[in-house]
Structures are given as C-alpha cells and as structure tokens.
C-alpha cells in the first residue's frame, strides 16, 4: 500500500498514475476529510493500492497508525500551485486549459497555507521520502499538465499574490 501525503493541485493524480504504471497497483479514491471520514477510510482500505491523502490536523497520527508506505509529494512552485487551487475552486474545472478570467476567493489562500504547514511539519520530521512534481519526467500518462497562466486568469491577482507572498514568508516557502 502506497500513501501519498499531498496538497490539492500538486500533480498527485499524475504521480499516482505514474506509480500505477511502475508498480501495477490500482489507484484508490483520495482521502480528503471534506468528503470522507479518515477513520472509516483507513478501516476500509483494501490490502494494496495507491492513494493520496490531503492534509488534516491529525493526519500524522493516521500515518503512524496504519501500515502504509508513505511518501510526501510537493510542488516547488508553491505560488502557481496556490493560484491553481483558488482558480479551480472557483471554476470547478481541474484538467482543462482555461481562458476565462475570474475574481477568485482569496480567503482560500489561508486554507491552502494551513495545509502547507501541516505537510511541512511532517516533512521536517524526516520520516518519509519527499518527492517533487517538477523532478519527475512522467511520459505516457493520460493525465497531462495544463498550460494555464493563472496570473492572467485571476482578475484580483495583485491581492492574491500579496497574500501569498505574506504567507510564504510566514511559512518559509
């Protein structure tokens, strides 16, 4: 069983597909506490597979409790990842190239960085391998990186970048 601790818009779906091609294990639905109860999720996991887990307050306790080969999967470009998160949260479209300009909810940046902090606090324990999306060459996948320039697609970009810069300094990204 391979578990991937990651954040939304990290490229984890492509990474899961890459691991599936490499290991032959099936991919499983992701664990996001906004949609699933973690206790129920872990108790009903099959014996083998690959799944991603979005961070939540006590996710480290679950990582220690269950016999899962954990990995941490991150993006080096946290700013673009955050912009992608708030933009796709607005549009609901996650895999398409976009052209529409929108005003996004900048309060979601706080949520994004609170999740970033949870992952970073686990990462600095040096208990799990850490991989970065940008370091992988993943040819032959059906999931492809889009070509969205979120700086042009977000109408309130200055407000968002200022908030990201402020929180980046706080969290040391």
C-alpha atoms as a PDB file:
ATOM      1  CA  UNK A   1       0.000   0.000   0.000  1.00  0.00           C
ATOM      2  CA  UNK A   2       1.399   3.356  -1.037  1.00  0.00           C
ATOM      3  CA  UNK A   3       0.045   6.533   0.541  1.00  0.00           C
ATOM      4  CA  UNK A   4       0.859   9.978  -0.799  1.00  0.00           C
ATOM      5  CA  UNK A   5       0.543  12.950   1.529  1.00  0.00           C
ATOM      6  CA  UNK A   6      -0.019  15.915  -0.751  1.00  0.00           C
ATOM      7  CA  UNK A   7      -1.893  19.097  -1.310  1.00  0.00           C
ATOM      8  CA  UNK A   8      -4.534  19.900  -3.893  1.00  0.00           C
ATOM      9  CA  UNK A   9      -3.083  20.829  -7.303  1.00  0.00           C
ATOM     10  CA  UNK A  10       0.249  19.150  -6.564  1.00  0.00           C
ATOM     11  CA  UNK A  11       0.078  16.846  -9.572  1.00  0.00           C
ATOM     12  CA  UNK A  12      -0.700  13.900  -7.313  1.00  0.00           C
ATOM     13  CA  UNK A  13      -3.147  12.334  -9.772  1.00  0.00           C
ATOM     14  CA  UNK A  14      -0.427  12.158 -12.428  1.00  0.00           C
ATOM     15  CA  UNK A  15       2.011  10.838  -9.819  1.00  0.00           C
ATOM     16  CA  UNK A  16      -0.494   8.139  -8.809  1.00  0.00           C
ATOM     17  CA  UNK A  17      -0.813   7.127 -12.466  1.00  0.00           C
ATOM     18  CA  UNK A  18       2.997   7.078 -12.764  1.00  0.00           C
ATOM     19  CA  UNK A  19       3.244   4.803  -9.687  1.00  0.00           C
ATOM     20  CA  UNK A  20       0.459   2.588 -11.015  1.00  0.00           C
ATOM     21  CA  UNK A  21       2.390   2.100 -14.271  1.00  0.00           C
ATOM     22  CA  UNK A  22       5.570   1.403 -12.308  1.00  0.00           C
ATOM     23  CA  UNK A  23       4.122  -0.959  -9.645  1.00  0.00           C
ATOM     24  CA  UNK A  24       0.960  -2.444 -11.177  1.00  0.00           C
ATOM     25  CA  UNK A  25      -1.041  -1.375  -8.102  1.00  0.00           C
ATOM     26  CA  UNK A  26      -4.501   0.114  -8.584  1.00  0.00           C
ATOM     27  CA  UNK A  27      -5.227   3.703  -7.675  1.00  0.00           C
ATOM     28  CA  UNK A  28      -7.805   4.288  -4.971  1.00  0.00           C
ATOM     29  CA  UNK A  29     -10.022   7.296  -4.216  1.00  0.00           C
ATOM     30  CA  UNK A  30      -8.196  10.077  -2.405  1.00  0.00           C
ATOM     31  CA  UNK A  31      -8.753  10.852   1.247  1.00  0.00           C
ATOM     32  CA  UNK A  32      -9.994  14.382   1.713  1.00  0.00           C
ATOM     33  CA  UNK A  33     -11.678  14.971   5.078  1.00  0.00           C
ATOM     34  CA  UNK A  34     -14.022  17.422   3.388  1.00  0.00           C
ATOM     35  CA  UNK A  35     -15.520  14.343   1.719  1.00  0.00           C
ATOM     36  CA  UNK A  36     -14.611  11.287   3.834  1.00  0.00           C
ATOM     37  CA  UNK A  37     -14.156  10.324   7.479  1.00  0.00           C
ATOM     38  CA  UNK A  38     -10.470   9.305   7.906  1.00  0.00           C
ATOM     39  CA  UNK A  39     -11.167   6.509  10.386  1.00  0.00           C
ATOM     40  CA  UNK A  40     -13.725   4.913   8.080  1.00  0.00           C
ATOM     41  CA  UNK A  41     -11.434   5.426   5.097  1.00  0.00           C
ATOM     42  CA  UNK A  42      -8.457   3.648   6.673  1.00  0.00           C
ATOM     43  CA  UNK A  43     -10.543   0.831   8.128  1.00  0.00           C
ATOM     44  CA  UNK A  44     -11.990   0.085   4.690  1.00  0.00           C
ATOM     45  CA  UNK A  45      -8.786   0.297   2.639  1.00  0.00           C
ATOM     46  CA  UNK A  46      -8.068  -2.768   0.526  1.00  0.00           C
ATOM     47  CA  UNK A  47      -4.809  -4.654   1.136  1.00  0.00           C
ATOM     48  CA  UNK A  48      -2.986  -2.990  -1.741  1.00  0.00           C
ATOM     49  CA  UNK A  49      -3.220   0.136  -3.839  1.00  0.00           C
ATOM     50  CA  UNK A  50      -2.122   3.730  -4.211  1.00  0.00           C
ATOM     51  CA  UNK A  51      -3.980   6.630  -2.648  1.00  0.00           C
ATOM     52  CA  UNK A  52      -3.454  10.304  -1.953  1.00  0.00           C
ATOM     53  CA  UNK A  53      -4.309  11.946   1.336  1.00  0.00           C
ATOM     54  CA  UNK A  54      -4.918  15.657   1.691  1.00  0.00           C
ATOM     55  CA  UNK A  55      -3.573  17.035   4.986  1.00  0.00           C
ATOM     56  CA  UNK A  56      -5.749  17.497   8.056  1.00  0.00           C
ATOM     57  CA  UNK A  57      -4.988  18.350  11.681  1.00  0.00           C
ATOM     58  CA  UNK A  58      -4.175  14.875  12.982  1.00  0.00           C
ATOM     59  CA  UNK A  59      -3.188  13.183   9.731  1.00  0.00           C
ATOM     60  CA  UNK A  60       0.283  12.389  11.125  1.00  0.00           C
ATOM     61  CA  UNK A  61      -1.356  10.155  13.766  1.00  0.00           C
ATOM     62  CA  UNK A  62      -3.037   8.180  10.983  1.00  0.00           C
ATOM     63  CA  UNK A  63       0.232   7.966   9.083  1.00  0.00           C
ATOM     64  CA  UNK A  64       1.902   6.418  12.140  1.00  0.00           C
ATOM     65  CA  UNK A  65      -1.004   4.102  12.951  1.00  0.00           C
ATOM     66  CA  UNK A  66      -1.547   2.327   9.641  1.00  0.00           C
ATOM     67  CA  UNK A  67       0.879   0.110   7.739  1.00  0.00           C
ATOM     68  CA  UNK A  68       1.250   2.246   4.637  1.00  0.00           C
ATOM     69  CA  UNK A  69       4.384   3.075   2.641  1.00  0.00           C
ATOM     70  CA  UNK A  70       4.079   6.856   2.923  1.00  0.00           C
ATOM     71  CA  UNK A  71       5.553   9.413   0.575  1.00  0.00           C
ATOM     72  CA  UNK A  72       5.245  13.181   0.580  1.00  0.00           C
ATOM     73  CA  UNK A  73       4.585  14.752  -2.813  1.00  0.00           C
ATOM     74  CA  UNK A  74       5.046  18.500  -3.257  1.00  0.00           C
ATOM     75  CA  UNK A  75       5.435  21.233  -5.829  1.00  0.00           C
ATOM     76  CA  UNK A  76       8.455  23.500  -5.831  1.00  0.00           C
ATOM     77  CA  UNK A  77       6.393  26.330  -7.330  1.00  0.00           C
ATOM     78  CA  UNK A  78       4.034  26.851  -4.410  1.00  0.00           C
ATOM     79  CA  UNK A  79       2.761  30.177  -5.750  1.00  0.00           C
ATOM     80  CA  UNK A  80       1.463  28.694  -9.013  1.00  0.00           C
ATOM     81  CA  UNK A  81       0.051  25.717  -7.131  1.00  0.00           C
ATOM     82  CA  UNK A  82      -1.857  28.036  -4.809  1.00  0.00           C
ATOM     83  CA  UNK A  83      -3.132  30.143  -7.709  1.00  0.00           C
ATOM     84  CA  UNK A  84      -4.259  26.970  -9.461  1.00  0.00           C
ATOM     85  CA  UNK A  85      -6.055  25.871  -6.277  1.00  0.00           C
ATOM     86  CA  UNK A  86      -8.019  29.073  -5.845  1.00  0.00           C
ATOM     87  CA  UNK A  87      -8.811  29.352  -9.562  1.00  0.00           C
ATOM     88  CA  UNK A  88     -10.035  25.766  -9.947  1.00  0.00           C
ATOM     89  CA  UNK A  89     -12.014  26.143  -6.747  1.00  0.00           C
ATOM     90  CA  UNK A  90     -13.849  28.994  -8.493  1.00  0.00           C
ATOM     91  CA  UNK A  91     -14.406  27.230 -11.837  1.00  0.00           C
ATOM     92  CA  UNK A  92     -14.694  23.599 -10.774  1.00  0.00           C
ATOM     93  CA  UNK A  93     -12.608  22.631 -13.816  1.00  0.00           C
ATOM     94  CA  UNK A  94      -9.327  20.977 -12.906  1.00  0.00           C
ATOM     95  CA  UNK A  95      -7.890  19.382 -16.029  1.00  0.00           C
ATOM     96  CA  UNK A  96      -8.675  21.788 -18.836  1.00  0.00           C
ATOM     97  CA  UNK A  97      -6.807  24.693 -20.316  1.00  0.00           C
ATOM     98  CA  UNK A  98      -8.720  27.780 -19.242  1.00  0.00           C
ATOM     99  CA  UNK A  99      -9.395  31.113 -20.917  1.00  0.00           C
ATOM    100  CA  UNK A 100     -11.994  32.771 -18.671  1.00  0.00           C
ATOM    101  CA  UNK A 101     -10.838  35.478 -16.278  1.00  0.00           C
ATOM    102  CA  UNK A 102     -12.417  35.318 -12.792  1.00  0.00           C
ATOM    103  CA  UNK A 103     -12.317  37.035  -9.443  1.00  0.00           C
ATOM    104  CA  UNK A 104     -11.325  34.289  -7.008  1.00  0.00           C
ATOM    105  CA  UNK A 105     -11.862  33.849  -3.278  1.00  0.00           C
ATOM    106  CA  UNK A 106      -8.568  34.979  -1.774  1.00  0.00           C
ATOM    107  CA  UNK A 107      -9.560  33.619   1.657  1.00  0.00           C
ATOM    108  CA  UNK A 108      -8.825  30.144   0.243  1.00  0.00           C
ATOM    109  CA  UNK A 109      -5.146  31.097   0.312  1.00  0.00           C
ATOM    110  CA  UNK A 110      -5.275  30.818   4.129  1.00  0.00           C
ATOM    111  CA  UNK A 111      -6.713  27.298   3.817  1.00  0.00           C
ATOM    112  CA  UNK A 112      -4.034  26.353   1.283  1.00  0.00           C
ATOM    113  CA  UNK A 113      -1.198  27.535   3.528  1.00  0.00           C
ATOM    114  CA  UNK A 114      -2.657  25.918   6.649  1.00  0.00           C
ATOM    115  CA  UNK A 115      -2.483  22.631   4.727  1.00  0.00           C
ATOM    116  CA  UNK A 116       1.017  23.502   3.542  1.00  0.00           C
ATOM    117  CA  UNK A 117       2.058  23.943   7.183  1.00  0.00           C
ATOM    118  CA  UNK A 118       0.667  20.533   8.163  1.00  0.00           C
ATOM    119  CA  UNK A 119       2.644  18.843   5.388  1.00  0.00           C
ATOM    120  CA  UNK A 120       5.785  20.831   6.139  1.00  0.00           C
ATOM    121  CA  UNK A 121       5.603  19.946   9.854  1.00  0.00           C
ATOM    122  CA  UNK A 122       5.545  16.260   8.865  1.00  0.00           C
ATOM    123  CA  UNK A 123       8.219  16.714   6.193  1.00  0.00           C
ATOM    124  CA  UNK A 124      10.755  18.187   8.632  1.00  0.00           C
ATOM    125  CA  UNK A 125      10.493  15.064  10.818  1.00  0.00           C
ATOM    126  CA  UNK A 126      12.473  13.313   8.027  1.00  0.00           C
ATOM    127  CA  UNK A 127      10.476  10.092   8.401  1.00  0.00           C
ATOM    128  CA  UNK A 128       9.141   9.829   4.849  1.00  0.00           C
ATOM    129  CA  UNK A 129      10.671  10.325   1.422  1.00  0.00           C
ATOM    130  CA  UNK A 130       9.828  13.629  -0.223  1.00  0.00           C
ATOM    131  CA  UNK A 131       9.305  13.924  -3.966  1.00  0.00           C
ATOM    132  CA  UNK A 132       8.659  16.981  -6.107  1.00  0.00           C
ATOM    133  CA  UNK A 133       6.430  17.086  -9.159  1.00  0.00           C
ATOM    134  CA  UNK A 134       8.964  19.141 -11.093  1.00  0.00           C
ATOM    135  CA  UNK A 135      11.620  16.416 -10.671  1.00  0.00           C
ATOM    136  CA  UNK A 136       9.598  13.733 -12.453  1.00  0.00           C
ATOM    137  CA  UNK A 137       9.508  13.004 -16.139  1.00  0.00           C
ATOM    138  CA  UNK A 138       6.244  11.099 -16.472  1.00  0.00           C
ATOM    139  CA  UNK A 139       5.702  10.284 -20.161  1.00  0.00           C
ATOM    140  CA  UNK A 140       2.785   8.275 -21.445  1.00  0.00           C
ATOM    141  CA  UNK A 141       0.258   9.408 -18.855  1.00  0.00           C
ATOM    142  CA  UNK A 142      -3.334  10.210 -19.716  1.00  0.00           C
ATOM    143  CA  UNK A 143      -3.294  12.991 -17.104  1.00  0.00           C
ATOM    144  CA  UNK A 144      -1.402  15.955 -18.526  1.00  0.00           C
ATOM    145  CA  UNK A 145      -0.279  19.242 -17.029  1.00  0.00           C
ATOM    146  CA  UNK A 146      -2.369  22.123 -18.321  1.00  0.00           C
ATOM    147  CA  UNK A 147      -0.895  25.310 -19.775  1.00  0.00           C
ATOM    148  CA  UNK A 148      -2.874  27.767 -17.677  1.00  0.00           C
ATOM    149  CA  UNK A 149      -1.293  31.089 -16.808  1.00  0.00           C
ATOM    150  CA  UNK A 150      -3.179  31.809 -13.591  1.00  0.00           C
ATOM    151  CA  UNK A 151      -1.587  35.257 -13.276  1.00  0.00           C
ATOM    152  CA  UNK A 152      -3.600  36.231 -16.359  1.00  0.00           C
ATOM    153  CA  UNK A 153      -6.736  34.258 -15.471  1.00  0.00           C
ATOM    154  CA  UNK A 154      -7.244  35.745 -12.000  1.00  0.00           C
ATOM    155  CA  UNK A 155      -8.687  39.250 -12.087  1.00  0.00           C
ATOM    156  CA  UNK A 156      -7.734  40.019  -8.458  1.00  0.00           C
ATOM    157  CA  UNK A 157      -4.183  38.692  -8.966  1.00  0.00           C
ATOM    158  CA  UNK A 158      -2.427  41.534  -7.130  1.00  0.00           C
ATOM    159  CA  UNK A 159      -4.444  40.899  -3.973  1.00  0.00           C
ATOM    160  CA  UNK A 160      -3.799  37.152  -4.238  1.00  0.00           C
ATOM    161  CA  UNK A 161      -0.062  37.490  -4.871  1.00  0.00           C
ATOM    162  CA  UNK A 162       0.321  39.902  -1.947  1.00  0.00           C
ATOM    163  CA  UNK A 163      -1.408  37.434   0.361  1.00  0.00           C
ATOM    164  CA  UNK A 164       0.642  34.507  -0.984  1.00  0.00           C
ATOM    165  CA  UNK A 165       3.851  36.490  -0.515  1.00  0.00           C
ATOM    166  CA  UNK A 166       2.881  37.341   3.056  1.00  0.00           C
ATOM    167  CA  UNK A 167       2.045  33.728   3.932  1.00  0.00           C
ATOM    168  CA  UNK A 168       5.096  32.409   2.062  1.00  0.00           C
ATOM    169  CA  UNK A 169       7.293  34.478   4.349  1.00  0.00           C
ATOM    170  CA  UNK A 170       5.406  33.209   7.391  1.00  0.00           C
ATOM    171  CA  UNK A 171       5.728  29.559   6.375  1.00  0.00           C
ATOM    172  CA  UNK A 172       9.123  29.793   4.714  1.00  0.00           C
ATOM    173  CA  UNK A 173       8.197  28.511   1.254  1.00  0.00           C
END
